[in-house]
Protein backbone atom coordinates (compact mmCIF):
# COMPACT_ATOMS: atom_id res chain seq x y z
CA UNK A 1 -34.50 -70.91 45.69
CA UNK A 2 -30.74 -70.47 44.08
CA UNK A 3 -29.23 -70.44 47.46
CA UNK A 4 -26.46 -68.63 46.81
CA UNK A 5 -28.28 -65.08 45.25
CA UNK A 6 -31.04 -65.62 48.88
CA UNK A 7 -27.68 -65.68 51.17
CA UNK A 8 -26.42 -62.15 49.36
CA UNK A 9 -29.31 -60.98 50.25
CA UNK A 10 -28.36 -60.98 53.77
CA UNK A 11 -24.55 -60.52 53.35
CA UNK A 12 -23.44 -56.46 54.39
CA UNK A 13 -20.47 -56.70 51.61
CA UNK A 14 -22.40 -57.47 48.69
CA UNK A 15 -25.47 -55.02 49.73
CA UNK A 16 -23.58 -52.15 50.06
CA UNK A 17 -24.57 -50.03 47.37
CA UNK A 18 -22.24 -48.13 45.26
CA UNK A 19 -22.25 -44.43 44.25
CA UNK A 20 -23.47 -43.56 41.03
CA UNK A 21 -20.08 -41.25 40.38
CA UNK A 22 -18.09 -44.60 41.52
CA UNK A 23 -20.01 -46.14 39.07
CA UNK A 24 -19.44 -44.00 36.04
CA UNK A 25 -15.38 -44.12 36.62
CA UNK A 26 -15.00 -47.43 36.73
CA UNK A 27 -17.69 -47.65 33.65
CA UNK A 28 -15.24 -44.86 31.83
CA UNK A 29 -11.48 -46.75 33.53
CA UNK A 30 -13.05 -49.62 31.52
CA UNK A 31 -14.31 -48.08 28.23
CA UNK A 32 -11.30 -47.06 28.26
CA UNK A 33 -8.77 -49.67 28.70
CA UNK A 34 -10.70 -51.67 26.37
CA UNK A 35 -10.90 -48.78 23.49
CA UNK A 36 -7.75 -47.28 24.17
CA UNK A 37 -7.96 -46.06 20.58
CA UNK A 38 -10.64 -47.03 18.12
CA UNK A 39 -12.18 -46.28 14.63
CA UNK A 40 -15.64 -45.55 13.64
CA UNK A 41 -16.77 -44.64 10.14
CA UNK A 42 -20.84 -42.55 10.78
CA UNK A 43 -22.56 -39.29 9.87
CA UNK A 44 -22.01 -36.53 11.12
CA UNK A 45 -25.66 -34.84 12.82
CA UNK A 46 -25.68 -31.72 15.14
CA UNK A 47 -22.02 -30.36 14.46
CA UNK A 48 -21.15 -27.54 16.03
CA UNK A 49 -18.64 -25.00 16.42
CA UNK A 50 -17.85 -24.06 20.01
CA UNK A 51 -15.91 -20.24 20.99
CA UNK A 52 -13.60 -22.90 22.68
CA UNK A 53 -12.53 -24.13 19.37
CA UNK A 54 -13.70 -27.74 20.38
CA UNK A 55 -15.81 -29.25 18.13
CA UNK A 56 -18.88 -31.43 19.62
CA UNK A 57 -21.38 -33.39 16.69
CA UNK A 58 -23.04 -36.93 16.60
CA UNK A 59 -21.95 -39.78 14.72
CA UNK A 60 -24.82 -41.81 13.33
CA UNK A 61 -25.66 -44.45 11.25
CA UNK A 62 -29.44 -46.09 10.22
CA UNK A 63 -29.22 -48.17 13.77
CA UNK A 64 -27.27 -46.39 16.43
CA UNK A 65 -25.19 -42.76 17.00
CA UNK A 66 -22.58 -42.19 18.96
CA UNK A 67 -21.38 -38.08 20.57
CA UNK A 68 -18.39 -36.99 19.47
CA UNK A 69 -16.15 -34.77 20.76
CA UNK A 70 -12.47 -33.40 18.69
CA UNK A 71 -10.94 -31.14 21.51
CA UNK A 72 -8.89 -28.00 19.84
CA UNK A 73 -5.60 -29.38 20.13
CA UNK A 74 -6.09 -32.30 17.53
CA UNK A 75 -9.02 -30.51 15.56
CA UNK A 76 -5.77 -27.18 14.33
CA UNK A 77 -4.37 -30.58 12.53
CA UNK A 78 -7.42 -31.37 11.09
CA UNK A 79 -7.53 -30.61 7.14
CA UNK A 80 -10.87 -29.50 6.57
CA UNK A 81 -13.97 -28.26 8.66
CA UNK A 82 -16.64 -30.89 10.08
CA UNK A 83 -19.90 -30.81 8.22
CA UNK A 84 -23.82 -31.69 8.77
CA UNK A 85 -24.30 -35.17 5.98
CA UNK A 86 -20.76 -35.57 5.54
CA UNK A 87 -19.62 -39.60 5.67
CA UNK A 88 -16.66 -39.79 8.25
CA UNK A 89 -14.36 -41.87 9.58
CA UNK A 90 -13.05 -41.06 12.98
CA UNK A 91 -10.41 -41.99 15.49
CA UNK A 92 -10.25 -41.83 19.13
CA UNK A 93 -10.74 -43.51 22.30
CA UNK A 94 -14.18 -43.61 23.71
CA UNK A 95 -14.75 -42.27 27.27
CA UNK A 96 -17.98 -40.72 29.45
CA UNK A 97 -19.30 -37.71 30.02
CA UNK A 98 -20.32 -38.62 33.84
CA UNK A 99 -22.31 -34.99 34.07
CA UNK A 100 -24.71 -37.46 31.51
CA UNK A 101 -24.10 -40.67 31.59
CA UNK A 102 -22.73 -40.53 28.49
CA UNK A 103 -19.95 -42.46 26.96
CA UNK A 104 -18.49 -40.32 23.95
CA UNK A 105 -15.73 -40.46 21.26
CA UNK A 106 -12.50 -38.43 21.67
CA UNK A 107 -11.82 -38.09 17.68
CA UNK A 108 -7.49 -37.16 17.88
CA UNK A 109 -8.35 -37.85 13.68
CA UNK A 110 -11.14 -37.56 11.09
CA UNK A 111 -10.57 -38.62 7.24
CA UNK A 112 -13.74 -37.96 4.91
CA UNK A 113 -15.00 -41.08 2.92
CA UNK A 114 -15.46 -40.95 -0.99
CA UNK A 115 -13.12 -37.93 -1.11
CA UNK A 116 -10.22 -36.93 -0.62
CA UNK A 117 -9.52 -34.49 2.92
CA UNK A 118 -7.40 -32.14 1.32
CA UNK A 119 -9.93 -31.72 -1.47
CA UNK A 120 -13.36 -30.47 0.70
CA UNK A 121 -10.23 -28.21 3.35
CA UNK A 122 -10.09 -26.33 -0.31
CA UNK A 123 -13.34 -26.13 -1.77
CA UNK A 124 -14.43 -25.42 1.94
CA UNK A 125 -12.25 -22.07 1.73
CA UNK A 126 -12.32 -21.48 -1.39
CA UNK A 127 -15.90 -21.36 -1.28
CA UNK A 128 -15.99 -18.92 1.99
CA UNK A 129 -13.44 -16.80 0.42
CA UNK A 130 -15.46 -16.45 -2.98
CA UNK A 131 -18.28 -15.44 -0.76
CA UNK A 132 -16.10 -12.28 1.17
CA UNK A 133 -15.30 -11.25 -1.71
CA UNK A 134 -11.35 -11.53 -1.46
CA UNK A 135 -11.47 -12.80 -5.59
CA UNK A 136 -13.03 -9.67 -6.46
CA UNK A 137 -12.34 -8.78 -10.24
CA UNK A 138 -11.73 -5.11 -9.34
CA UNK A 139 -10.15 -5.81 -6.39
CA UNK A 140 -6.97 -6.99 -8.74
CA UNK A 141 -4.09 -4.75 -9.22
CA UNK A 142 -2.57 -3.95 -12.50
CA UNK A 143 1.48 -5.30 -12.42
CA UNK A 144 3.84 -2.25 -13.06
CA UNK A 145 5.12 -1.41 -16.00
CA UNK A 146 9.25 -0.86 -15.59
CA UNK A 147 9.44 -2.27 -11.63
CA UNK A 148 12.20 -1.19 -10.11
CA UNK A 149 12.84 -4.00 -6.66
CA UNK A 150 11.01 -6.88 -7.04
CA UNK A 151 9.77 -8.96 -3.44
CA UNK A 152 9.77 -12.72 -3.76
CA UNK A 153 9.32 -15.26 -0.75
CA UNK A 154 9.95 -18.13 -0.85
CA UNK A 155 12.17 -20.65 -0.09
CA UNK A 156 16.36 -19.62 0.54
CA UNK A 157 17.08 -23.71 -0.33
CA UNK A 158 14.35 -24.85 -3.02
CA UNK A 159 14.73 -24.50 -7.01
CA UNK A 160 12.34 -21.72 -7.05
CA UNK A 161 14.99 -18.69 -5.65
CA UNK A 162 17.93 -19.39 -8.44
CA UNK A 163 15.33 -19.86 -10.87
CA UNK A 164 14.12 -16.62 -10.60
CA UNK A 165 16.91 -14.35 -9.80
CA UNK A 166 18.32 -16.60 -13.23
CA UNK A 167 15.93 -14.81 -15.49
CA UNK A 168 16.13 -11.64 -13.21
CA UNK A 169 19.94 -11.40 -13.93
CA UNK A 170 19.99 -12.57 -17.35
CA UNK A 171 16.83 -10.10 -18.52
CA UNK A 172 17.15 -6.73 -16.98
CA UNK A 173 20.15 -5.09 -14.76
CA UNK A 174 17.91 -2.49 -13.26
CA UNK A 175 15.02 -4.72 -11.47
CA UNK A 176 16.22 -5.00 -7.63
CA UNK A 177 15.91 -8.12 -5.31
CA UNK A 178 14.66 -7.70 -1.58
CA UNK A 179 14.57 -11.21 -0.57
CA UNK A 180 12.33 -12.71 2.26
CA UNK A 181 12.48 -16.33 3.20
CA UNK A 182 10.14 -18.78 3.84
CA UNK A 183 9.06 -22.18 4.90
CA UNK A 184 7.18 -23.82 2.35
CA UNK A 185 6.13 -27.58 3.34
CA UNK A 186 5.23 -28.30 6.00
CA UNK A 187 2.48 -27.59 9.88
CA UNK A 188 4.39 -24.56 10.05
CA UNK A 189 4.85 -23.36 6.41
CA UNK A 190 1.08 -21.23 6.10
CA UNK A 191 2.41 -19.14 9.41
CA UNK A 192 5.90 -18.47 8.15
CA UNK A 193 5.13 -17.31 4.58
CA UNK A 194 2.15 -14.60 5.60
CA UNK A 195 4.93 -13.31 8.63
CA UNK A 196 7.60 -13.39 5.21
CA UNK A 197 4.26 -11.28 3.06
CA UNK A 198 4.17 -8.92 6.08
CA UNK A 199 7.68 -8.44 6.38
CA UNK A 200 8.26 -7.01 3.13
CA UNK A 201 4.94 -5.09 3.48
CA UNK A 202 6.33 -2.80 6.37
CA UNK A 203 9.53 -2.65 4.86
CA UNK A 204 7.74 -1.07 1.81
CA UNK A 205 5.29 1.53 4.14
CA UNK A 206 8.94 2.54 6.45
CA UNK A 207 10.03 3.97 3.13
CA UNK A 208 6.98 5.82 1.81
CA UNK A 209 7.29 7.11 4.99
CA UNK A 210 10.98 8.39 5.48
CA UNK A 211 10.20 9.31 1.62
CA UNK A 212 12.90 6.84 0.03
CA UNK A 213 11.61 5.94 -2.87
CA UNK A 214 14.70 4.44 -4.15
CA UNK A 215 13.75 1.90 -1.68
CA UNK A 216 9.72 0.86 -2.73
CA UNK A 217 9.10 -2.67 -3.41
CA UNK A 218 7.47 -2.58 -6.56
CA UNK A 219 5.35 -5.99 -7.04
CA UNK A 220 5.75 -9.21 -5.05
CA UNK A 221 6.33 -12.60 -6.60
CA UNK A 222 5.20 -15.59 -3.69
CA UNK A 223 5.69 -19.08 -4.63
CA UNK A 224 7.52 -22.37 -5.10
CA UNK A 225 8.24 -24.94 -7.04
CA UNK A 226 5.77 -28.11 -8.31
CA UNK A 227 5.24 -31.02 -5.77
CA UNK A 228 2.65 -32.66 -4.61
CA UNK A 229 -1.06 -31.59 -2.87
CA UNK A 230 -0.26 -31.49 0.40
CA UNK A 231 3.88 -30.65 -0.56
CA UNK A 232 1.35 -27.03 -2.02
CA UNK A 233 -1.39 -27.43 0.90
CA UNK A 234 0.93 -24.07 2.32
CA UNK A 235 -0.86 -21.85 -0.48
CA UNK A 236 -3.69 -23.61 0.15
CA UNK A 237 -4.16 -22.24 4.33
CA UNK A 238 -6.41 -19.05 4.96
CA UNK A 239 -3.79 -17.09 6.27
CA UNK A 240 -1.40 -16.96 3.19
CA UNK A 241 -4.57 -16.30 1.44
CA UNK A 242 -5.25 -13.27 3.84
CA UNK A 243 -2.17 -12.22 3.79
CA UNK A 244 -1.59 -11.28 0.40
CA UNK A 245 -5.06 -9.42 0.22
CA UNK A 246 -4.09 -7.39 3.25
CA UNK A 247 -0.55 -6.56 1.35
CA UNK A 248 -0.42 -3.16 -0.42
CA UNK A 249 2.26 -4.12 -2.73
CA UNK A 250 1.06 -6.19 -5.71
CA UNK A 251 1.17 -10.07 -5.86
CA UNK A 252 2.34 -12.86 -8.51
CA UNK A 253 1.20 -16.42 -7.09
CA UNK A 254 4.04 -18.58 -8.36
CA UNK A 255 2.96 -21.78 -7.53
CA UNK A 256 4.99 -24.50 -10.12
CA UNK A 257 2.25 -25.98 -10.81
CA UNK A 258 0.54 -25.76 -13.96
CA UNK A 259 -2.81 -27.66 -14.03
CA UNK A 260 -4.32 -26.93 -10.39
CA UNK A 261 -4.87 -23.88 -9.19
CA UNK A 262 -4.35 -22.98 -4.90
CA UNK A 263 -6.09 -20.96 -3.14
CA UNK A 264 -3.15 -18.00 -3.45
CA UNK A 265 -3.43 -18.45 -7.02
CA UNK A 266 -7.29 -17.11 -6.67
CA UNK A 267 -7.15 -13.83 -4.47
CA UNK A 268 -3.26 -12.80 -6.39
CA UNK A 269 -3.04 -9.88 -8.54
CA UNK A 270 -1.42 -12.31 -10.56
CA UNK A 271 -0.51 -15.88 -11.51
CA UNK A 272 2.20 -17.36 -12.97
CA UNK A 273 2.61 -21.15 -13.60
CA UNK A 274 6.01 -21.06 -12.78
CA UNK A 275 8.00 -18.61 -10.74
CA UNK A 276 10.52 -18.43 -13.95
CA UNK A 277 8.08 -17.06 -15.88
CA UNK A 278 7.08 -14.53 -12.87
CA UNK A 279 9.94 -13.63 -13.40
CA UNK A 280 9.85 -12.99 -16.57
CA UNK A 281 7.08 -10.98 -16.63
CA UNK A 282 8.80 -8.31 -14.21
CA UNK A 283 11.92 -8.61 -15.82
CA UNK A 284 11.62 -6.55 -19.20
CA UNK A 285 14.41 -7.51 -21.52
CA UNK A 286 16.48 -4.19 -21.50
CA UNK A 287 17.37 -5.42 -25.08
CA UNK A 288 13.85 -5.57 -26.50
CA UNK A 289 12.74 -2.34 -25.41
CA UNK A 290 16.41 -0.76 -26.09
CA UNK A 291 15.00 -1.91 -29.93
CA UNK A 292 11.84 -0.80 -29.75
CA UNK A 293 13.49 2.72 -29.30
CA UNK A 294 15.79 1.90 -31.65
CA UNK A 295 12.72 1.22 -34.75
CA UNK A 296 11.15 4.31 -33.51
CA UNK A 297 12.92 6.46 -33.59
CA UNK A 298 14.73 5.69 -37.19
CA UNK A 299 10.93 5.91 -37.93
CA UNK A 300 10.53 9.32 -36.43
CA UNK A 301 13.91 10.19 -38.75
CA UNK A 302 12.73 9.07 -41.93
CA UNK A 303 9.33 10.81 -41.29
CA UNK A 304 11.13 13.75 -40.52
CA UNK A 305 12.89 13.91 -43.23
CA UNK A 306 10.34 13.10 -45.46
CA UNK A 307 8.18 16.08 -43.44
CA UNK A 308 11.57 18.53 -44.39
CA UNK A 309 11.03 17.79 -47.95
CA UNK A 310 7.65 18.28 -48.86
CA UNK A 311 7.61 21.10 -46.81
CA UNK A 312 11.22 22.64 -49.52
CA UNK A 313 9.48 21.75 -52.08
CA UNK A 314 5.78 23.71 -50.89
CA UNK A 315 8.10 26.88 -50.15
CA UNK A 316 9.77 26.91 -53.20
CA UNK A 317 7.09 27.03 -55.45
CA UNK A 318 5.39 29.34 -53.23
CA UNK A 319 8.80 31.35 -53.69
CA UNK A 320 8.06 31.32 -57.66
CA UNK A 321 4.57 32.09 -58.03
CA UNK A 322 3.40 35.54 -59.06
CA UNK A 323 2.06 36.12 -56.05
CA UNK A 324 4.47 35.61 -54.33
CA UNK A 325 5.68 39.02 -55.76
CA UNK A 326 3.31 41.33 -55.54
CA UNK A 327 3.26 39.64 -51.75
CA UNK A 328 7.17 41.00 -51.38
CA UNK A 329 5.75 45.07 -53.30
CA UNK A 330 2.99 45.46 -50.88
CA UNK A 331 5.43 44.65 -48.27
CA UNK A 332 8.20 47.28 -49.65
CA UNK A 333 5.68 49.71 -49.59
CA UNK A 334 4.44 48.98 -45.42
CA UNK A 335 8.18 49.09 -44.52
CA UNK A 336 7.46 52.49 -45.94
CA UNK A 337 4.75 53.28 -44.39
CA UNK A 338 5.60 51.73 -41.25
CA UNK A 339 8.96 54.11 -41.09
CA UNK A 340 7.34 57.25 -42.00
CA UNK A 341 5.04 56.56 -38.69
CA UNK A 342 7.64 54.91 -36.57
CA UNK A 343 9.64 58.61 -37.59
CA UNK A 344 7.20 61.20 -36.79
CA UNK A 345 5.38 58.78 -33.39
CA UNK A 346 9.21 59.30 -32.10
CA UNK A 347 9.44 62.92 -32.66
CA UNK A 348 6.47 63.94 -31.00
CA UNK A 349 7.72 61.56 -28.08
CA UNK A 350 10.48 63.57 -27.79
CA UNK A 351 8.57 67.48 -27.92
CA UNK A 352 6.42 65.51 -25.13
CA UNK A 353 8.89 64.82 -22.92
CA UNK A 354 10.87 68.25 -23.91
CA UNK A 355 7.54 69.77 -22.70
CA UNK A 356 7.62 67.99 -19.32
CA UNK A 357 10.50 67.97 -18.61
CA UNK A 358 10.44 72.23 -18.17
CA UNK A 359 7.16 71.70 -16.20
CA UNK A 360 8.20 69.98 -13.73
CA UNK A 361 11.30 72.46 -13.21
CA UNK A 362 9.20 75.29 -12.53
CA UNK A 363 6.73 73.41 -10.28
CA UNK A 364 9.89 71.63 -8.94
CA UNK A 365 10.86 75.69 -8.20
CA UNK A 366 7.50 77.15 -6.51
CA UNK A 367 8.02 74.29 -4.47
CA UNK A 368 11.69 75.20 -3.40
CA UNK A 369 9.97 78.98 -2.86
CA UNK A 370 7.40 77.76 -0.71
CA UNK A 371 9.38 75.44 1.44
CA UNK A 372 9.89 76.91 4.91
CA UNK A 373 13.81 74.77 4.65
CA UNK A 374 14.60 77.45 2.53
CA UNK A 375 14.64 80.93 5.14
CA UNK A 376 17.00 78.87 6.81
CA UNK A 377 19.77 79.98 4.15
CA UNK A 378 18.97 83.36 5.21
CA UNK A 379 20.52 83.35 8.65
CA UNK A 380 16.78 81.88 10.37
CA UNK A 381 16.41 79.19 11.87
CA UNK A 382 13.32 76.90 13.54
CA UNK A 383 13.42 76.64 17.29
CA UNK A 384 11.63 73.22 17.67
CA UNK A 385 10.39 71.62 21.86
CA UNK A 386 11.49 68.15 23.49
CA UNK A 387 9.19 67.00 21.21
CA UNK A 388 9.69 68.33 18.16
CA UNK A 389 6.81 70.86 17.42
CA UNK A 390 7.40 74.29 16.15
CA UNK A 391 8.12 77.04 19.39
CA UNK A 392 6.17 80.51 18.04
CA UNK A 393 5.10 81.72 21.22
CA UNK A 394 7.94 82.39 24.05
CA UNK A 395 5.45 80.89 26.72
CA UNK A 396 5.46 77.57 25.50
CA UNK A 397 8.32 76.71 27.17
CA UNK A 398 9.95 77.36 30.92
CA UNK A 399 13.16 78.42 32.44
CA UNK A 400 15.41 74.43 31.93
CA UNK A 401 13.62 72.97 29.34
CA UNK A 402 15.46 71.64 26.65
CA UNK A 403 15.20 73.59 22.47
CA UNK A 404 16.38 72.74 19.65
CA UNK A 405 17.41 75.51 17.00
CA UNK A 406 17.15 73.93 13.29
CA UNK A 407 19.92 76.32 11.29
CA UNK A 408 20.24 76.08 7.34
CA UNK A 409 23.04 73.87 8.20
CA UNK A 410 23.13 71.33 11.27
CA UNK A 411 20.96 71.84 14.68
CA UNK A 412 21.46 73.35 18.04
CA UNK A 413 20.15 71.31 21.19
CA UNK A 414 20.14 73.98 24.04
CA UNK A 415 18.84 74.76 27.49
CA UNK A 416 15.93 78.23 28.17
CA UNK A 417 18.05 80.75 30.60
CA UNK A 418 15.14 83.36 30.82
CA UNK A 419 11.91 83.34 29.15
CA UNK A 420 10.96 87.05 27.14
CA UNK A 421 6.75 87.23 26.73
């Protein structure tokens, strides 16, 4: 028998056990010290997006599997969403999940194997938003024919704003610009673009509420100049897509990439290949419009002259025809008959009016004779009590009552001294 091992059976120090927690903690410290950063390649399975924002999944190959988690603070920097069956390369540190006694990989970076992370993220977001109906054709709004105010969301220092302003100033004098600057590259570019879109919409809504029609924004250009996929990534972010779709102003996506599409292109009401092309869409050339109007005016003038000449010829032909002479003769006879009938009608009306005046005079005289006020001119008077009722009986009043006496001219206000029945 091995002597040291035999002696250890009776050594109190060697026989003192560790608690499970102590042993697990020692293993965790050893693993984290031995593998502070390691790359692991495998297939994702059992992926779960927790309500807390953390990701939990398993990495596996044909012979083994490894539990992994990615905290929310780290996965917000990952440009695609993991899915079961996706082959990935993960970077992180090894640790131990003490409640289960399992070792796990705490992931801080994740890349797909065989396809770019940006491409996968683009396709995932595109498919999800398309399934929601954000790209539906029936949601696309037509652009105004003659916009008066154009909103612009882009970088204040990039070439895009200079190109847009150059085209607008060169092609029109009637279009005004409302510029909302935004970052168009980098991690904070997506939120910056979304806020700029919301700002212009809020400005438009306030003008609408206040009745300031001249300040309304007719169309909104959102974009930037060309660049790599990384440079243009802000226009592939979900918050930018939703801000565009939520805009009450029609939106033109003007990201400077001729061949590839961004999510903003799919969701916008119209896509322009470059910022300059977007400006050309909203700034109609005034000289072209004036030229078209001038051409139409000259054409209308020629048509009106031709029409006048044609009608003049037809009138002359009719005036020289025998039928026109017969019509003139009939018109003269009709005129004479009309004049005779008009004279007879006027005479009859005058006679009727005179008879009516005489009947009215007789009726007025009769009414005047029957009027109770007519007797007042003969020295009589009408006595009335305080309420204005005529007095017919002396007993209807008492001593001290007020009585008004109406004469032919004027009225007397009296008080009763005595009453004689």
